[in-house]
Amino acid sequence: MSQEDGKEVIKRPVSLLLAEGSTDEIFYKKVKISHLRDCRATVRELHGDQIVGYIQAHKDEVIRVYCCLDRESRYGEVPGFDIKKIEKYIKDGNLTSVLSIDLITATQQIESWFFYDIEGIYVYIKVPKSKRSLNTFRPPEKCGYRDLQRLFERYGKTYTKGKRAESFIKKLDVDKIVCTCKELREGIQLIQSQAGDLTNHLFPEKKPRKH
């Protein structure tokens, strides 16, 4: 709890979005700017012990964790980030500053979501309008990294995951993707709905922390 004009103000939780790779991190940072402006959201790449590291660096905060993963995980098995295991780890370590942990899953891969803005993809790789086929990549959930890579190559471009994809991702219409992608829209709605909730779902006996 902090002071503002003589009144006590309760700080809202930090929404910690852990993205599976740097491609995902770039995309979710764009989502944060466009759709999570009213949340105390931060995006980090999911590697190592990010939850504990963040807690140690921000001891005066309470946190809601969102693991943003692909259904076809680059690590081979999404269960490696099984929420029940992570919850047990948090509870066993008595990490009471973590209020909850939720999963936001891309239909196949993060690139599957990019296909919801197929028009934007065509514009970026400069495909002539006469050669653009919107139906080829519908439904978007059937497409993925390899499909995007082949589409780029067909028009003399290269799609590579990570920082090299940043200029492309920044050109995508996030509003269009959110509007048409059910999984992403519901993930954003979940984050927004919990943005001001100080209830501790992992340690229900704990009262909301005061700062």
Protein backbone atom coordinates (compact mmCIF):
# COMPACT_ATOMS: atom_id res chain seq x y z
CA MET A 1 0.00 0.00 0.00
CA SER A 2 1.35 3.44 -0.92
CA GLN A 3 0.40 7.02 -0.17
CA GLU A 4 -1.23 9.35 -2.69
CA ASP A 5 -2.59 12.77 -1.64
CA GLY A 6 -2.78 11.55 1.95
CA LYS A 7 -4.79 8.47 1.02
CA GLU A 8 -3.69 4.86 1.05
CA VAL A 9 -3.58 3.31 -2.42
CA ILE A 10 -3.38 -0.45 -2.94
CA LYS A 11 -1.04 -1.45 -5.76
CA ARG A 12 -2.50 -3.78 -8.34
CA PRO A 13 -0.78 -7.07 -9.17
CA VAL A 14 1.85 -7.29 -11.87
CA SER A 15 0.70 -9.47 -14.78
CA LEU A 16 3.88 -11.39 -15.67
CA LEU A 17 3.59 -12.86 -19.18
CA LEU A 18 6.20 -15.55 -19.79
CA ALA A 19 6.56 -16.12 -23.55
CA GLU A 20 7.96 -19.38 -24.88
CA GLY A 21 10.57 -17.82 -27.18
CA SER A 22 11.82 -14.48 -28.48
CA THR A 23 9.30 -14.53 -31.38
CA ASP A 24 6.48 -14.94 -28.88
CA GLU A 25 8.01 -12.29 -26.62
CA ILE A 26 8.05 -9.73 -29.46
CA PHE A 27 4.43 -10.52 -30.34
CA TYR A 28 3.16 -10.35 -26.76
CA LYS A 29 4.94 -7.04 -26.21
CA LYS A 30 2.94 -5.72 -29.16
CA VAL A 31 -0.24 -7.16 -27.61
CA LYS A 32 0.66 -5.49 -24.31
CA ILE A 33 0.94 -2.07 -25.96
CA SER A 34 -2.34 -2.39 -27.84
CA HIS A 35 -4.58 -4.31 -25.42
CA LEU A 36 -3.05 -4.35 -21.94
CA ARG A 37 -2.36 -0.66 -21.45
CA ASP A 38 -4.54 -0.56 -18.34
CA CYS A 39 -2.77 -3.54 -16.74
CA ARG A 40 0.55 -3.55 -14.92
CA ALA A 41 1.81 -6.06 -17.46
CA THR A 42 5.36 -7.09 -18.24
CA VAL A 43 6.56 -9.62 -20.82
CA ARG A 44 9.59 -11.86 -20.38
CA GLU A 45 10.96 -14.80 -22.33
CA LEU A 46 10.31 -18.11 -20.58
CA HIS A 47 13.66 -19.66 -19.76
CA GLY A 48 15.37 -20.67 -16.58
CA ASP A 49 13.67 -19.77 -13.34
CA GLN A 50 12.00 -16.55 -14.41
CA ILE A 51 9.27 -16.65 -11.77
CA VAL A 52 11.67 -16.85 -8.85
CA GLY A 53 14.05 -14.37 -10.49
CA TYR A 54 11.27 -11.85 -10.94
CA ILE A 55 10.06 -12.31 -7.36
CA GLN A 56 13.56 -11.73 -6.00
CA ALA A 57 13.98 -8.58 -8.07
CA HIS A 58 10.52 -7.21 -7.16
CA LYS A 59 10.00 -8.16 -3.53
CA ASP A 60 7.41 -5.43 -2.97
CA GLU A 61 5.09 -6.74 -5.71
CA VAL A 62 2.38 -9.37 -5.96
CA ILE A 63 2.26 -11.23 -9.25
CA ARG A 64 -0.09 -13.09 -11.54
CA VAL A 65 1.82 -15.39 -13.88
CA TYR A 66 0.69 -16.25 -17.41
CA CYS A 67 2.64 -18.91 -19.29
CA CYS A 68 2.21 -18.19 -23.01
CA LEU A 69 2.96 -21.42 -24.87
CA ASP A 70 2.48 -23.05 -28.26
CA ARG A 71 0.43 -26.23 -28.35
CA GLU A 72 3.25 -27.65 -30.48
CA SER A 73 5.99 -26.63 -28.08
CA ARG A 74 9.47 -25.97 -29.42
CA TYR A 75 10.68 -27.89 -26.38
CA GLY A 76 8.90 -31.02 -27.57
CA GLU A 77 6.43 -31.32 -24.72
CA VAL A 78 4.20 -28.61 -23.31
CA PRO A 79 3.82 -30.74 -20.14
CA GLY A 80 7.36 -29.59 -19.30
CA PHE A 81 5.55 -26.42 -18.24
CA ASP A 82 2.61 -28.20 -16.66
CA ILE A 83 0.71 -25.71 -14.52
CA LYS A 84 0.15 -28.23 -11.71
CA LYS A 85 3.89 -28.79 -11.43
CA ILE A 86 4.59 -25.07 -11.40
CA GLU A 87 1.87 -24.49 -8.80
CA LYS A 88 3.39 -27.22 -6.60
CA TYR A 89 6.82 -25.60 -6.97
CA ILE A 90 5.41 -22.22 -5.91
CA LYS A 91 3.50 -23.70 -2.97
CA ASP A 92 6.41 -25.85 -1.80
CA GLY A 93 8.64 -22.77 -1.91
CA ASN A 94 5.99 -20.72 -0.08
CA LEU A 95 6.20 -18.06 -2.80
CA THR A 96 3.11 -16.25 -1.53
CA SER A 97 3.65 -13.18 -3.69
CA VAL A 98 2.42 -15.27 -6.65
CA LEU A 99 -1.37 -14.96 -6.64
CA SER A 100 -2.15 -17.28 -9.55
CA ILE A 101 -0.69 -18.98 -12.60
CA ASP A 102 -2.57 -19.47 -15.86
CA LEU A 103 -1.85 -20.85 -19.30
CA ILE A 104 -2.43 -19.07 -22.62
CA THR A 105 -1.94 -21.51 -25.49
CA ALA A 106 -1.49 -20.75 -29.18
CA THR A 107 -3.59 -23.07 -31.34
CA GLN A 108 -0.53 -24.71 -32.90
CA GLN A 109 2.36 -22.29 -32.94
CA ILE A 110 2.60 -18.52 -32.53
CA GLU A 111 2.85 -18.33 -36.34
CA SER A 112 -0.63 -19.87 -36.55
CA TRP A 113 -1.98 -16.67 -35.02
CA PHE A 114 -0.10 -14.54 -37.56
CA PHE A 115 -2.23 -16.07 -40.32
CA TYR A 116 -5.30 -14.31 -38.88
CA ASP A 117 -3.78 -11.27 -40.59
CA ILE A 118 -2.98 -12.96 -43.90
CA GLU A 119 -3.55 -9.65 -45.69
CA GLY A 120 -0.80 -8.10 -43.57
CA ILE A 121 1.53 -10.98 -44.38
CA TYR A 122 0.91 -10.54 -48.11
CA VAL A 123 1.55 -6.81 -47.88
CA TYR A 124 4.79 -7.33 -45.94
CA ILE A 125 6.27 -9.78 -48.45
CA LYS A 126 4.91 -7.68 -51.34
CA VAL A 127 2.69 -10.28 -53.01
CA PRO A 128 0.79 -8.79 -55.98
CA LYS A 129 -2.94 -8.49 -55.28
CA SER A 130 -3.69 -10.77 -58.25
CA LYS A 131 -1.75 -13.58 -56.56
CA ARG A 132 -3.18 -13.26 -53.07
CA SER A 133 -5.41 -16.12 -51.94
CA LEU A 134 -7.03 -15.61 -48.54
CA ASN A 135 -8.74 -19.00 -48.50
CA THR A 136 -5.47 -20.94 -48.90
CA PHE A 137 -4.58 -20.25 -45.29
CA ARG A 138 -7.97 -20.83 -43.69
CA PRO A 139 -8.57 -21.83 -41.04
CA PRO A 140 -5.40 -20.22 -39.64
CA GLU A 141 -5.05 -22.88 -36.95
CA LYS A 142 -4.10 -25.43 -39.61
CA CYS A 143 -1.05 -23.33 -40.54
CA GLY A 144 2.21 -22.82 -38.70
CA TYR A 145 5.89 -21.97 -38.87
CA ARG A 146 6.69 -24.11 -41.91
CA ASP A 147 3.76 -22.68 -43.87
CA LEU A 148 4.87 -19.14 -43.14
CA GLN A 149 8.45 -19.99 -44.02
CA ARG A 150 7.41 -21.50 -47.38
CA LEU A 151 5.19 -18.53 -48.18
CA PHE A 152 8.07 -16.13 -47.55
CA GLU A 153 10.43 -18.23 -49.68
CA ARG A 154 7.94 -18.32 -52.56
CA TYR A 155 8.31 -14.56 -52.87
CA GLY A 156 12.04 -14.34 -52.30
CA LYS A 157 11.91 -13.57 -48.59
CA THR A 158 13.15 -15.40 -45.52
CA TYR A 159 11.19 -15.92 -42.32
CA THR A 160 13.34 -16.68 -39.29
CA LYS A 161 12.14 -16.95 -35.71
CA GLY A 162 13.43 -14.54 -33.09
CA LYS A 163 14.78 -11.02 -33.36
CA ARG A 164 14.99 -11.24 -37.15
CA ALA A 165 11.20 -11.48 -37.27
CA GLU A 166 10.70 -8.29 -35.27
CA SER A 167 10.17 -5.94 -38.23
CA PHE A 168 7.59 -8.35 -39.69
CA ILE A 169 5.71 -8.84 -36.41
CA LYS A 170 5.55 -5.08 -35.86
CA LYS A 171 3.70 -4.75 -39.18
CA LEU A 172 0.97 -7.23 -38.24
CA ASP A 173 -2.49 -5.91 -37.37
CA VAL A 174 -2.83 -7.05 -33.76
CA ASP A 175 -6.37 -5.69 -33.51
CA LYS A 176 -7.44 -7.93 -36.38
CA ILE A 177 -5.69 -10.95 -34.86
CA VAL A 178 -7.26 -10.39 -31.43
CA CYS A 179 -10.69 -9.84 -32.94
CA THR A 180 -10.63 -13.13 -34.90
CA CYS A 181 -8.45 -15.37 -32.72
CA LYS A 182 -10.55 -16.85 -29.90
CA GLU A 183 -7.64 -18.20 -27.85
CA LEU A 184 -5.74 -14.92 -27.81
CA ARG A 185 -8.87 -12.85 -27.15
CA GLU A 186 -9.83 -15.05 -24.20
CA GLY A 187 -6.27 -14.86 -22.85
CA ILE A 188 -6.35 -11.07 -22.95
CA GLN A 189 -9.77 -11.03 -21.29
CA LEU A 190 -8.45 -13.28 -18.51
CA ILE A 191 -5.50 -10.97 -17.85
CA GLN A 192 -7.76 -7.92 -17.87
CA SER A 193 -10.29 -9.54 -15.53
CA GLN A 194 -7.61 -10.32 -12.93
CA ALA A 195 -5.61 -7.10 -13.32
CA GLY A 196 -7.00 -5.52 -10.17
CA ASP A 197 -7.79 -8.66 -8.16
CA LEU A 198 -5.58 -9.13 -5.10
CA THR A 199 -7.15 -12.45 -4.10
CA ASN A 200 -4.49 -15.11 -3.66
CA HIS A 201 -5.77 -18.18 -5.51
CA LEU A 202 -2.68 -20.27 -4.74
CA PHE A 203 -2.60 -19.40 -1.03
CA PRO A 204 -6.28 -18.71 -0.25
CA GLU A 205 -5.58 -18.31 3.46
CA LYS A 206 -3.47 -15.22 2.72
CA LYS A 207 -5.08 -11.81 2.88
CA PRO A 208 -4.35 -9.28 0.10
CA ARG A 209 -0.88 -7.87 0.63
CA LYS A 210 -0.54 -4.26 1.66
CA HIS A 211 2.32 -2.13 0.41
